[in-house]
Amino acid sequence: MVNTLGMSEVQQELLTVLTAAGCPITATELRIRANTRRPVPLVTEQVYRRLVALERRGLIRRAPTPGRRDTSWQPTEAAARKGFGS
């Protein structure tokens, strides 16, 4: 289902969790945090596909993670303008 912002419920949920983290986090960390609130857990592929869709919309971006192989993600200013974050 798509909400009034044009995002699926899962995209909105992931963006909310990502914003609440307050710092860049990996897709794995995001999946773990999101799954604590869900009756049906998300799998890695579901999370990654939605992260890429949010990135294409300019709502999140990949964050540099020196010394780590995993990519971290963080919300953009556009996400804050849409009401996510502080």
C-alpha atoms as a PDB file:
ATOM      1  CA  MET A   1       0.000   0.000   0.000  1.00  0.00           C
ATOM      2  CA  VAL A   2       1.248   3.507  -0.849  1.00  0.00           C
ATOM      3  CA  ASN A   3       0.744   6.424   1.555  1.00  0.00           C
ATOM      4  CA  THR A   4       0.153  10.114   0.860  1.00  0.00           C
ATOM      5  CA  LEU A   5       3.917  10.686   0.488  1.00  0.00           C
ATOM      6  CA  GLY A   6       4.030   8.156  -2.342  1.00  0.00           C
ATOM      7  CA  MET A   7       5.981   5.633  -0.285  1.00  0.00           C
ATOM      8  CA  SER A   8       5.071   2.093   0.657  1.00  0.00           C
ATOM      9  CA  GLU A   9       4.427   1.411   4.320  1.00  0.00           C
ATOM     10  CA  VAL A  10       7.711  -0.498   4.517  1.00  0.00           C
ATOM     11  CA  GLN A  11       9.656   2.391   2.939  1.00  0.00           C
ATOM     12  CA  GLN A  12       8.116   4.817   5.419  1.00  0.00           C
ATOM     13  CA  GLU A  13       8.859   2.461   8.292  1.00  0.00           C
ATOM     14  CA  LEU A  14      12.504   2.036   7.235  1.00  0.00           C
ATOM     15  CA  LEU A  15      12.948   5.770   6.815  1.00  0.00           C
ATOM     16  CA  THR A  16      11.461   6.359  10.265  1.00  0.00           C
ATOM     17  CA  VAL A  17      13.793   3.797  11.853  1.00  0.00           C
ATOM     18  CA  LEU A  18      16.783   5.177   9.953  1.00  0.00           C
ATOM     19  CA  THR A  19      15.993   8.725  11.060  1.00  0.00           C
ATOM     20  CA  ALA A  20      15.461   7.668  14.669  1.00  0.00           C
ATOM     21  CA  ALA A  21      18.899   6.032  14.709  1.00  0.00           C
ATOM     22  CA  GLY A  22      20.488   9.492  14.705  1.00  0.00           C
ATOM     23  CA  CYS A  23      23.575   8.274  12.848  1.00  0.00           C
ATOM     24  CA  PRO A  24      24.321   6.276   9.711  1.00  0.00           C
ATOM     25  CA  ILE A  25      23.539   2.570  10.075  1.00  0.00           C
ATOM     26  CA  THR A  26      23.959  -0.465   7.849  1.00  0.00           C
ATOM     27  CA  ALA A  27      21.104  -2.259   6.115  1.00  0.00           C
ATOM     28  CA  THR A  28      21.609  -5.154   8.526  1.00  0.00           C
ATOM     29  CA  GLU A  29      21.308  -2.892  11.562  1.00  0.00           C
ATOM     30  CA  LEU A  30      18.268  -1.251  10.009  1.00  0.00           C
ATOM     31  CA  ARG A  31      16.622  -4.623   9.332  1.00  0.00           C
ATOM     32  CA  ILE A  32      17.206  -5.761  12.909  1.00  0.00           C
ATOM     33  CA  ARG A  33      15.749  -2.543  14.349  1.00  0.00           C
ATOM     34  CA  ALA A  34      12.755  -2.563  12.006  1.00  0.00           C
ATOM     35  CA  ASN A  35      11.999  -6.213  12.734  1.00  0.00           C
ATOM     36  CA  THR A  36      11.569  -5.536  16.444  1.00  0.00           C
ATOM     37  CA  ARG A  37       8.363  -3.669  15.512  1.00  0.00           C
ATOM     38  CA  ARG A  38       7.016  -6.015  12.845  1.00  0.00           C
ATOM     39  CA  PRO A  39       4.786  -9.078  13.114  1.00  0.00           C
ATOM     40  CA  VAL A  40       6.345 -10.491   9.896  1.00  0.00           C
ATOM     41  CA  PRO A  41      10.121  -9.937   9.736  1.00  0.00           C
ATOM     42  CA  LEU A  42      11.733  -8.327   6.718  1.00  0.00           C
ATOM     43  CA  VAL A  43      14.537 -10.146   4.937  1.00  0.00           C
ATOM     44  CA  THR A  44      17.735  -8.542   3.673  1.00  0.00           C
ATOM     45  CA  GLU A  45      16.626  -8.335   0.038  1.00  0.00           C
ATOM     46  CA  GLN A  46      13.409  -6.525   0.971  1.00  0.00           C
ATOM     47  CA  VAL A  47      15.307  -3.942   2.989  1.00  0.00           C
ATOM     48  CA  TYR A  48      17.967  -3.356   0.356  1.00  0.00           C
ATOM     49  CA  ARG A  49      15.433  -2.930  -2.481  1.00  0.00           C
ATOM     50  CA  ARG A  50      13.541  -0.349  -0.485  1.00  0.00           C
ATOM     51  CA  LEU A  51      16.727   1.472   0.515  1.00  0.00           C
ATOM     52  CA  VAL A  52      17.687   1.782  -3.150  1.00  0.00           C
ATOM     53  CA  ALA A  53      14.196   3.114  -3.961  1.00  0.00           C
ATOM     54  CA  LEU A  54      14.479   5.692  -1.153  1.00  0.00           C
ATOM     55  CA  GLU A  55      17.942   6.648  -2.409  1.00  0.00           C
ATOM     56  CA  ARG A  56      16.588   7.195  -5.935  1.00  0.00           C
ATOM     57  CA  ARG A  57      13.941   9.511  -4.486  1.00  0.00           C
ATOM     58  CA  GLY A  58      16.662  11.506  -2.728  1.00  0.00           C
ATOM     59  CA  LEU A  59      15.409  10.694   0.773  1.00  0.00           C
ATOM     60  CA  ILE A  60      18.471   8.763   1.928  1.00  0.00           C
ATOM     61  CA  ARG A  61      22.109   8.488   0.895  1.00  0.00           C
ATOM     62  CA  ARG A  62      25.010   6.151   1.394  1.00  0.00           C
ATOM     63  CA  ALA A  63      27.323   7.344   4.120  1.00  0.00           C
ATOM     64  CA  PRO A  64      31.090   6.865   4.124  1.00  0.00           C
ATOM     65  CA  THR A  65      32.191   4.220   6.600  1.00  0.00           C
ATOM     66  CA  PRO A  66      35.983   4.238   6.814  1.00  0.00           C
ATOM     67  CA  GLY A  67      37.408   0.915   7.844  1.00  0.00           C
ATOM     68  CA  ARG A  68      34.136  -0.947   7.229  1.00  0.00           C
ATOM     69  CA  ARG A  69      33.119  -3.026   4.291  1.00  0.00           C
ATOM     70  CA  ASP A  70      29.385  -2.516   4.839  1.00  0.00           C
ATOM     71  CA  THR A  71      27.608   0.505   3.434  1.00  0.00           C
ATOM     72  CA  SER A  72      25.838   2.725   5.920  1.00  0.00           C
ATOM     73  CA  TRP A  73      22.772   4.798   5.131  1.00  0.00           C
ATOM     74  CA  GLN A  74      21.485   8.115   6.429  1.00  0.00           C
ATOM     75  CA  PRO A  75      18.514  10.390   5.732  1.00  0.00           C
ATOM     76  CA  THR A  76      18.949  13.473   3.563  1.00  0.00           C
ATOM     77  CA  GLU A  77      17.649  17.019   3.992  1.00  0.00           C
ATOM     78  CA  ALA A  78      14.782  16.056   1.677  1.00  0.00           C
ATOM     79  CA  ALA A  79      13.635  13.501   4.242  1.00  0.00           C
ATOM     80  CA  ALA A  80      13.609  16.178   6.946  1.00  0.00           C
ATOM     81  CA  ARG A  81      11.501  18.431   4.701  1.00  0.00           C
ATOM     82  CA  LYS A  82       8.986  15.610   4.337  1.00  0.00           C
ATOM     83  CA  GLY A  83       8.662  15.368   8.108  1.00  0.00           C
ATOM     84  CA  PHE A  84      11.231  12.708   8.982  1.00  0.00           C
ATOM     85  CA  GLY A  85      13.800  13.580  11.587  1.00  0.00           C
ATOM     86  CA  SER A  86      14.252  16.616  13.746  1.00  0.00           C
END
